Protein backbone atom coordinates (compact mmCIF):
# COMPACT_ATOMS: atom_id res chain seq x y z
CA UNK A 1 -14.28 4.48 -38.59
CA UNK A 2 -15.98 3.38 -35.37
CA UNK A 3 -18.13 6.05 -33.78
CA UNK A 4 -16.88 6.96 -30.30
CA UNK A 5 -19.46 7.60 -27.61
CA UNK A 6 -18.48 8.90 -24.19
CA UNK A 7 -20.72 7.60 -21.41
CA UNK A 8 -20.29 10.54 -19.06
CA UNK A 9 -22.55 12.71 -16.96
CA UNK A 10 -22.20 16.03 -18.78
CA UNK A 11 -23.75 17.94 -15.89
CA UNK A 12 -20.50 17.37 -14.00
CA UNK A 13 -17.19 19.18 -14.33
CA UNK A 14 -14.04 17.27 -15.27
CA UNK A 15 -10.28 17.70 -15.22
CA UNK A 16 -8.85 16.18 -18.41
CA UNK A 17 -5.37 14.71 -18.02
CA UNK A 18 -3.73 15.52 -21.35
CA UNK A 19 -0.21 14.68 -22.52
CA UNK A 20 -0.76 15.84 -26.15
CA UNK A 21 -0.57 12.23 -27.26
CA UNK A 22 -3.18 10.87 -29.73
CA UNK A 23 -5.34 9.24 -27.04
CA UNK A 24 -5.68 12.20 -24.67
CA UNK A 25 -6.12 14.64 -27.58
CA UNK A 26 -8.95 12.50 -28.98
CA UNK A 27 -10.60 12.55 -25.56
CA UNK A 28 -10.13 16.30 -25.20
CA UNK A 29 -11.55 17.00 -28.66
CA UNK A 30 -14.55 14.72 -28.10
CA UNK A 31 -15.34 16.47 -24.80
CA UNK A 32 -14.96 19.93 -26.31
CA UNK A 33 -17.32 19.05 -29.17
CA UNK A 34 -19.86 17.80 -26.62
CA UNK A 35 -19.72 21.11 -24.76
CA UNK A 36 -18.56 19.41 -21.58
CA UNK A 37 -17.43 21.46 -18.58
CA UNK A 38 -13.70 20.78 -18.62
CA UNK A 39 -10.30 22.10 -17.67
CA UNK A 40 -7.02 20.57 -18.83
CA UNK A 41 -4.11 19.40 -16.66
CA UNK A 42 -0.74 18.86 -18.38
CA UNK A 43 2.56 17.73 -16.84
CA UNK A 44 5.83 18.64 -18.57
CA UNK A 45 8.54 16.27 -17.31
CA UNK A 46 11.16 17.66 -19.73
CA UNK A 47 12.23 14.09 -20.51
CA UNK A 48 12.23 14.60 -24.29
CA UNK A 49 13.47 17.32 -26.61
CA UNK A 50 9.94 17.98 -27.90
CA UNK A 51 8.34 18.40 -24.44
CA UNK A 52 8.19 22.21 -24.67
CA UNK A 53 6.84 22.07 -28.24
CA UNK A 54 4.06 19.74 -27.09
CA UNK A 55 3.21 22.04 -24.20
CA UNK A 56 3.00 25.07 -26.53
CA UNK A 57 0.84 23.18 -29.05
CA UNK A 58 -1.55 22.04 -26.32
CA UNK A 59 -1.69 25.56 -24.91
CA UNK A 60 -2.56 26.89 -28.37
CA UNK A 61 -5.27 24.26 -28.85
CA UNK A 62 -6.85 25.21 -25.51
CA UNK A 63 -6.52 28.98 -26.07
CA UNK A 64 -8.26 28.74 -29.44
CA UNK A 65 -11.20 26.98 -27.78
CA UNK A 66 -11.28 28.96 -24.51
CA UNK A 67 -10.39 25.87 -22.47
CA UNK A 68 -8.64 26.60 -19.20
CA UNK A 69 -5.33 24.77 -18.85
CA UNK A 70 -3.07 24.09 -15.88
CA UNK A 71 0.56 23.12 -16.48
CA UNK A 72 2.93 21.50 -14.00
CA UNK A 73 6.46 22.29 -15.18
CA UNK A 74 9.00 19.91 -13.65
CA UNK A 75 12.12 21.44 -15.18
CA UNK A 76 15.07 20.78 -12.89
CA UNK A 77 13.10 18.46 -10.59
CA UNK A 78 15.21 15.61 -9.22
CA UNK A 79 13.86 12.20 -8.29
CA UNK A 80 15.22 9.07 -6.67
CA UNK A 81 14.29 5.47 -7.38
CA UNK A 82 11.72 4.41 -9.94
CA UNK A 83 10.88 7.32 -12.25
CA UNK A 84 7.46 5.97 -13.24
CA UNK A 85 6.37 5.64 -9.61
CA UNK A 86 7.68 9.11 -8.75
CA UNK A 87 6.04 10.67 -11.83
CA UNK A 88 2.72 8.99 -11.05
CA UNK A 89 2.62 10.34 -7.51
CA UNK A 90 3.60 13.85 -8.64
CA UNK A 91 1.04 13.73 -11.45
CA UNK A 92 -1.90 12.69 -9.28
CA UNK A 93 -1.01 15.15 -6.55
CA UNK A 94 -1.17 17.85 -9.23
CA UNK A 95 -4.48 16.52 -10.58
CA UNK A 96 -5.92 16.61 -7.06
CA UNK A 97 -4.86 20.24 -6.61
CA UNK A 98 -6.51 21.21 -9.91
CA UNK A 99 -9.63 19.18 -9.09
CA UNK A 100 -10.03 20.93 -5.73
CA UNK A 101 -9.25 24.41 -7.08
CA UNK A 102 -11.78 24.03 -9.89
CA UNK A 103 -14.31 22.20 -7.69
CA UNK A 104 -14.48 19.53 -10.37
CA UNK A 105 -16.01 16.09 -9.90
CA UNK A 106 -13.41 13.74 -11.36
CA UNK A 107 -10.28 13.40 -13.47
CA UNK A 108 -10.63 11.89 -16.95
CA UNK A 109 -7.74 9.76 -18.21
CA UNK A 110 -7.44 8.53 -21.82
CA UNK A 111 -6.44 4.91 -21.27
CA UNK A 112 -7.82 2.83 -24.14
CA UNK A 113 -8.37 -0.83 -24.96
CA UNK A 114 -4.76 -1.54 -25.96
CA UNK A 115 -3.63 -0.16 -22.59
CA UNK A 116 -6.17 -2.43 -20.90
CA UNK A 117 -4.86 -5.54 -22.65
CA UNK A 118 -1.19 -4.61 -22.18
CA UNK A 119 -1.71 -4.04 -18.45
CA UNK A 120 -3.54 -7.35 -18.03
CA UNK A 121 -0.79 -9.29 -19.85
CA UNK A 122 1.89 -7.55 -17.77
CA UNK A 123 0.03 -8.45 -14.57
CA UNK A 124 0.01 -12.12 -15.54
CA UNK A 125 3.80 -12.04 -15.82
CA UNK A 126 4.42 -10.34 -12.47
CA UNK A 127 4.78 -11.76 -8.97
CA UNK A 128 2.72 -8.95 -7.45
CA UNK A 129 -1.01 -9.57 -7.30
CA UNK A 130 -3.06 -7.25 -9.47
CA UNK A 131 -5.27 -4.92 -7.44
CA UNK A 132 -7.58 -4.81 -10.45
CA UNK A 133 -7.36 -7.16 -13.45
CA UNK A 134 -6.40 -4.86 -16.33
CA UNK A 135 -7.56 -1.29 -15.72
CA UNK A 136 -10.71 -0.13 -13.91
CA UNK A 137 -13.16 2.14 -15.69
CA UNK A 138 -13.50 4.03 -12.41
CA UNK A 139 -11.40 4.07 -9.27
CA UNK A 140 -9.79 6.35 -6.71
CA UNK A 141 -6.07 7.11 -6.88
CA UNK A 142 -4.27 9.22 -4.28
CA UNK A 143 -7.60 10.60 -3.15
CA UNK A 144 -8.70 11.46 -6.72
CA UNK A 145 -11.73 9.96 -8.48
CA UNK A 146 -10.49 8.77 -11.88
CA UNK A 147 -12.70 7.87 -14.85
CA UNK A 148 -11.44 6.20 -18.05
CA UNK A 149 -14.17 6.58 -20.69
CA UNK A 150 -12.18 5.17 -23.65
CA UNK A 151 -11.52 1.58 -22.54
CA UNK A 152 -13.93 0.20 -25.18
CA UNK A 153 -11.93 1.71 -28.04
CA UNK A 154 -8.62 0.61 -29.53
CA UNK A 155 -5.55 2.72 -30.14
CA UNK A 156 -6.32 2.56 -33.85
CA UNK A 157 -9.89 3.80 -33.28
CA UNK A 158 -8.50 6.94 -31.61
CA UNK A 159 -5.82 7.50 -34.28
CA UNK A 160 -8.50 7.23 -36.96
CA UNK A 161 -10.63 9.74 -35.07
CA UNK A 162 -7.75 12.21 -34.77
CA UNK A 163 -6.87 12.01 -38.45
CA UNK A 164 -10.47 12.34 -39.65
CA UNK A 165 -11.12 15.33 -37.38
CA UNK A 166 -7.74 17.05 -37.87
CA UNK A 167 -6.90 16.79 -34.17
CA UNK A 168 -3.26 17.71 -33.48
CA UNK A 169 -1.14 15.28 -31.46
CA UNK A 170 2.41 14.13 -30.91
CA UNK A 171 3.82 10.59 -30.81
CA UNK A 172 6.23 9.75 -27.99
CA UNK A 173 9.07 8.06 -29.87
CA UNK A 174 10.20 6.18 -26.74
CA UNK A 175 6.99 4.14 -27.06
CA UNK A 176 8.23 2.79 -30.40
CA UNK A 177 11.27 1.08 -28.85
CA UNK A 178 11.25 -2.33 -27.17
CA UNK A 179 13.43 -1.30 -24.22
CA UNK A 180 10.55 -1.59 -21.76
CA UNK A 181 8.39 -4.64 -20.99
CA UNK A 182 5.18 -2.79 -21.80
CA UNK A 183 6.51 -1.73 -25.20
CA UNK A 184 7.56 -5.30 -26.04
CA UNK A 185 4.10 -6.61 -25.09
CA UNK A 186 2.52 -3.84 -27.15
CA UNK A 187 4.54 -4.41 -30.32
CA UNK A 188 5.11 -8.16 -30.18
CA UNK A 189 1.73 -9.32 -28.84
CA UNK A 190 -1.09 -6.76 -28.74
CA UNK A 191 -0.48 -5.18 -32.14
CA UNK A 192 -0.33 -8.66 -33.72
CA UNK A 193 -3.57 -9.88 -32.16
CA UNK A 194 -6.39 -10.89 -34.45
CA UNK A 195 -9.87 -9.52 -33.77
CA UNK A 196 -10.75 -12.91 -32.26
CA UNK A 197 -7.67 -12.95 -30.00
CA UNK A 198 -8.39 -9.43 -28.81
CA UNK A 199 -12.01 -10.25 -28.01
CA UNK A 200 -10.99 -13.44 -26.19
CA UNK A 201 -8.59 -11.46 -23.98
CA UNK A 202 -11.24 -8.81 -23.27
CA UNK A 203 -13.66 -11.54 -22.15
CA UNK A 204 -10.94 -12.99 -19.89
CA UNK A 205 -10.43 -9.56 -18.31
CA UNK A 206 -14.17 -9.07 -17.77
CA UNK A 207 -14.46 -12.47 -16.11
CA UNK A 208 -11.54 -11.67 -13.80
CA UNK A 209 -13.02 -8.28 -12.91
CA UNK A 210 -16.37 -9.83 -11.99
CA UNK A 211 -14.74 -11.65 -9.07
CA UNK A 212 -15.13 -8.69 -6.73
CA UNK A 213 -15.32 -9.20 -2.98
CA UNK A 214 -17.71 -7.10 -0.90
CA UNK A 215 -15.88 -4.26 0.85
CA UNK A 216 -16.09 -3.97 4.63
CA UNK A 217 -13.85 -2.59 7.37
CA UNK A 218 -14.56 -5.66 9.53
CA UNK A 219 -14.75 -9.34 8.61
CA UNK A 220 -15.15 -12.52 10.55
CA UNK A 221 -11.82 -14.34 10.66
CA UNK A 222 -13.03 -17.39 8.73
CA UNK A 223 -14.74 -15.23 6.14
CA UNK A 224 -11.58 -13.22 5.50
CA UNK A 225 -9.45 -16.36 5.23
CA UNK A 226 -11.88 -17.76 2.64
CA UNK A 227 -11.01 -14.91 0.23
CA UNK A 228 -8.56 -15.53 -2.57
CA UNK A 229 -5.26 -13.65 -2.52
CA UNK A 230 -6.54 -11.37 -5.29
CA UNK A 231 -9.72 -10.57 -3.32
CA UNK A 232 -7.70 -9.67 -0.22
CA UNK A 233 -5.51 -7.40 -2.33
CA UNK A 234 -8.59 -5.63 -3.69
CA UNK A 235 -9.93 -4.97 -0.19
CA UNK A 236 -6.57 -3.67 1.01
CA UNK A 237 -6.22 -1.53 -2.12
CA UNK A 238 -9.67 -0.03 -1.51
CA UNK A 239 -8.56 1.31 1.87
CA UNK A 240 -5.13 2.38 0.62
CA UNK A 241 -6.88 4.44 -2.06
CA UNK A 242 -9.13 5.96 0.58
CA UNK A 243 -6.03 7.16 2.41
CA UNK A 244 -4.10 8.16 -0.72
CA UNK A 245 -1.33 5.64 -0.03
CA UNK A 246 -0.02 2.70 -2.05
CA UNK A 247 2.34 -0.24 -1.84
CA UNK A 248 2.91 -3.41 -3.87
CA UNK A 249 1.33 -6.55 -2.47
CA UNK A 250 3.06 -9.79 -3.44
CA UNK A 251 1.73 -13.33 -3.08
CA UNK A 252 4.33 -13.97 -0.36
CA UNK A 253 3.18 -10.89 1.59
CA UNK A 254 -0.49 -11.91 1.44
CA UNK A 255 0.46 -15.46 2.45
CA UNK A 256 2.20 -14.14 5.58
CA UNK A 257 -0.84 -12.03 6.46
CA UNK A 258 -3.19 -15.01 6.13
CA UNK A 259 -0.84 -17.19 8.18
CA UNK A 260 -0.74 -14.64 11.03
CA UNK A 261 -4.51 -14.16 11.02
CA UNK A 262 -5.07 -17.92 11.10
CA UNK A 263 -2.75 -18.62 14.05
CA UNK A 264 -2.82 -15.47 16.20
CA UNK A 265 -5.63 -14.19 18.44
CA UNK A 266 -4.36 -10.61 18.48
CA UNK A 267 -2.06 -9.35 15.77
CA UNK A 268 -1.47 -6.13 13.86
CA UNK A 269 0.33 -5.37 10.60
CA UNK A 270 1.06 -1.86 9.31
CA UNK A 271 0.18 -1.92 5.59
CA UNK A 272 0.99 1.74 4.95
CA UNK A 273 1.81 4.57 7.39
CA UNK A 274 -1.92 5.28 7.79
CA UNK A 275 -3.44 1.81 7.41
CA UNK A 276 -3.22 -1.12 9.84
CA UNK A 277 -4.74 -4.57 9.47
CA UNK A 278 -5.56 -6.27 12.79
CA UNK A 279 -7.00 -9.53 13.96
CA UNK A 280 -8.88 -9.23 17.26
CA UNK A 281 -10.67 -12.15 18.90
CA UNK A 282 -12.16 -13.64 15.74
CA UNK A 283 -12.46 -10.41 13.75
CA UNK A 284 -10.24 -8.94 11.05
CA UNK A 285 -10.33 -5.15 11.14
CA UNK A 286 -8.96 -2.34 8.97
CA UNK A 287 -7.90 0.58 11.18
CA UNK A 288 -7.49 4.19 10.08
CA UNK A 289 -4.42 5.33 12.03
CA UNK A 290 -5.28 8.99 11.39
CA UNK A 291 -8.12 8.51 13.88
CA UNK A 292 -6.06 6.83 16.61
CA UNK A 293 -4.96 10.08 18.19
CA UNK A 294 -4.76 10.55 21.94
CA UNK A 295 -7.32 13.07 23.16
CA UNK A 296 -8.29 15.08 26.22
CA UNK A 297 -11.49 17.05 26.72
CA UNK A 298 -12.62 19.10 29.71
CA UNK A 299 -16.28 19.31 30.62
CA UNK A 300 -18.61 19.87 33.56
CA UNK A 301 -21.75 17.79 33.03
CA UNK A 302 -22.24 17.46 29.29
CA UNK A 303 -19.97 16.88 26.32
CA UNK A 304 -20.40 15.66 22.75
CA UNK A 305 -18.25 15.15 19.65
CA UNK A 306 -17.93 12.42 17.00
CA UNK A 307 -16.19 10.07 19.46
CA UNK A 308 -17.93 10.75 22.77
CA UNK A 309 -21.39 11.59 24.06
CA UNK A 310 -21.61 12.42 27.79
CA UNK A 311 -24.60 13.72 29.69
CA UNK A 312 -24.30 13.69 33.46
CA UNK A 313 -26.59 16.73 33.87
CA UNK A 314 -29.12 14.61 35.79
CA UNK A 315 -26.42 13.16 38.00
CA UNK A 316 -24.03 10.25 37.58
CA UNK A 317 -24.03 8.65 41.02
CA UNK A 318 -24.86 5.35 39.30
CA UNK A 319 -21.30 5.56 37.95
CA UNK A 320 -19.69 6.72 41.17
CA UNK A 321 -19.37 10.30 39.91
CA UNK A 322 -20.89 13.27 41.68
CA UNK A 323 -21.64 15.81 38.99
CA UNK A 324 -21.25 19.35 40.28
CA UNK A 325 -19.72 22.55 39.01
CA UNK A 326 -16.30 20.96 39.35
CA UNK A 327 -14.46 20.42 36.11
CA UNK A 328 -14.11 16.84 34.84
CA UNK A 329 -11.69 15.52 32.24
CA UNK A 330 -12.19 12.70 29.77
CA UNK A 331 -9.06 11.44 28.01
CA UNK A 332 -7.33 8.36 26.63
CA UNK A 333 -6.42 5.97 29.40
CA UNK A 334 -2.71 5.15 29.73
CA UNK A 335 -2.26 1.37 29.52
CA UNK A 336 0.12 1.41 32.50
CA UNK A 337 -2.24 3.27 34.84
CA UNK A 338 -3.36 1.41 37.96
CA UNK A 339 -7.11 0.94 38.39
CA UNK A 340 -8.81 -0.41 41.50
CA UNK A 341 -11.58 -2.84 40.71
CA UNK A 342 -13.44 -4.56 43.54
CA UNK A 343 -10.59 -3.78 45.90
CA UNK A 344 -7.86 -5.11 43.59
CA UNK A 345 -5.29 -2.96 41.78
CA UNK A 346 -4.66 -3.82 38.16
CA UNK A 347 -2.91 -2.15 35.30
CA UNK A 348 -5.24 -0.94 32.57
CA UNK A 349 -3.55 -3.16 29.98
CA UNK A 350 -4.34 -6.26 32.06
CA UNK A 351 -7.96 -5.18 32.33
CA UNK A 352 -8.09 -4.64 28.57
CA UNK A 353 -6.91 -8.22 28.05
CA UNK A 354 -9.51 -9.53 30.50
CA UNK A 355 -12.16 -7.61 28.62
CA UNK A 356 -10.88 -9.00 25.27
CA UNK A 357 -10.62 -5.47 23.92
CA UNK A 358 -9.42 -5.03 20.29
CA UNK A 359 -5.85 -3.73 19.99
CA UNK A 360 -6.81 -0.46 18.30
CA UNK A 361 -9.28 0.45 21.08
CA UNK A 362 -6.60 -0.06 23.73
CA UNK A 363 -4.79 2.93 22.25
CA UNK A 364 -7.71 5.30 22.81
CA UNK A 365 -10.07 3.85 25.44
CA UNK A 366 -11.38 6.69 27.65
CA UNK A 367 -11.48 7.29 31.39
CA UNK A 368 -12.96 10.15 33.41
CA UNK A 369 -10.71 12.02 35.83
CA UNK A 370 -11.28 14.78 38.36
CA UNK A 371 -9.43 18.09 37.99
CA UNK A 372 -6.57 16.71 40.09
CA UNK A 373 -5.98 13.73 37.78
CA UNK A 374 -7.67 11.05 39.91
CA UNK A 375 -9.48 8.35 37.93
CA UNK A 376 -13.19 8.48 38.71
CA UNK A 377 -14.59 6.11 36.12
CA UNK A 378 -13.48 3.67 33.41
CA UNK A 379 -16.32 2.53 31.15
CA UNK A 380 -16.69 -1.23 30.70
CA UNK A 381 -15.85 -2.82 27.36
CA UNK A 382 -17.56 -5.93 26.16
CA UNK A 383 -18.50 -6.82 22.61
CA UNK A 384 -22.22 -6.06 22.20
CA UNK A 385 -22.18 -4.45 25.66
CA UNK A 386 -25.55 -3.07 26.82
CA UNK A 387 -25.19 0.04 28.98
CA UNK A 388 -27.93 0.09 31.64
CA UNK A 389 -26.77 3.25 33.41
CA UNK A 390 -29.29 6.05 33.69
CA UNK A 391 -26.76 8.76 32.85
CA UNK A 392 -25.39 8.89 29.31
CA UNK A 393 -21.87 7.84 28.38
CA UNK A 394 -21.39 6.63 24.80
CA UNK A 395 -18.08 5.84 23.13
CA UNK A 396 -18.20 5.45 19.34
CA UNK A 397 -15.89 2.50 18.70
CA UNK A 398 -16.68 2.50 14.95
CA UNK A 399 -15.11 5.95 14.61
CA UNK A 400 -11.63 4.41 14.50
CA UNK A 401 -12.38 2.06 11.60
CA UNK A 402 -14.11 4.68 9.45
CA UNK A 403 -12.39 5.98 6.35
């Protein structure tokens, strides 16, 4: 039997996702024998007659070893649409709650080498572009750091471990049927692979995973368009994971995005409710919509937060503002407001266009008003603008593309 070594930092605390199947029970037993700091998270979907028996057996295993266990009981829960997608979202929301309550560092999931190969072969048959070829050893899902320490070991390796160490487990009989695509791939392809075929597929997966684009929230237009469809999907997926949101990204969808970026100067596409992709005057930008909130702050001479730094305490006559004990207001400028510049009235949105301001900044660009609502000052926007005023007024434009 192959010896199983877990490459984990045992100074950290982990939530172990455990179904009572052979893979997750092998992982749990290995961690317990190592003296790792762990708690168990189990979801009972009540989809099979033996679900309650499995829950009781897992509870007994944990009680006998003084391992804390959390159970999410979904008896009577209704769902619409795809069950697997619904169950995944419910499961990871639960894992996140346990992780935060226990102040743990990550969730451990028992995906193994057969899962890796099955997933990769399924991806090759789908129209959607794989966010990661196969399965990542580490990634973030729904705001949860997930680690899969068993990807180097086969299903048979873990079954052999369980049997030799008398580890209890249950087999999900639905996995034995060929009703689902994954099961057909498992039984008709993966289980029939020779050692050489398996190794060849693993090498193919590794090669595909090595093609990883550098992650940034801003790219030059030409640079972004030079990425392959798969690389663009990986960048988008990185930011979706940051926001705990997900959607499928097909080749056709990515093609439309690239077409718009190539031909439009200013363009925005909502990827998820919290994530927007924009092209602005030669730049492609990922925007965190959580940060695009309108704001209003009152101050006298000084003000500072993560968006704004204002210090008019030594006077601001160089900006046409007389700083006194009168209250000033800084807030998002309405795009339809009229501003007088050099004796000419213009709407703010026209000025923004003249300044070639990115779309996302137009939503939140500040102006300073007196207490009666009169505009006193609108700071200039220009890419790489150098502010030569003596008084301090800084607007953190990067705040809105931070995740």
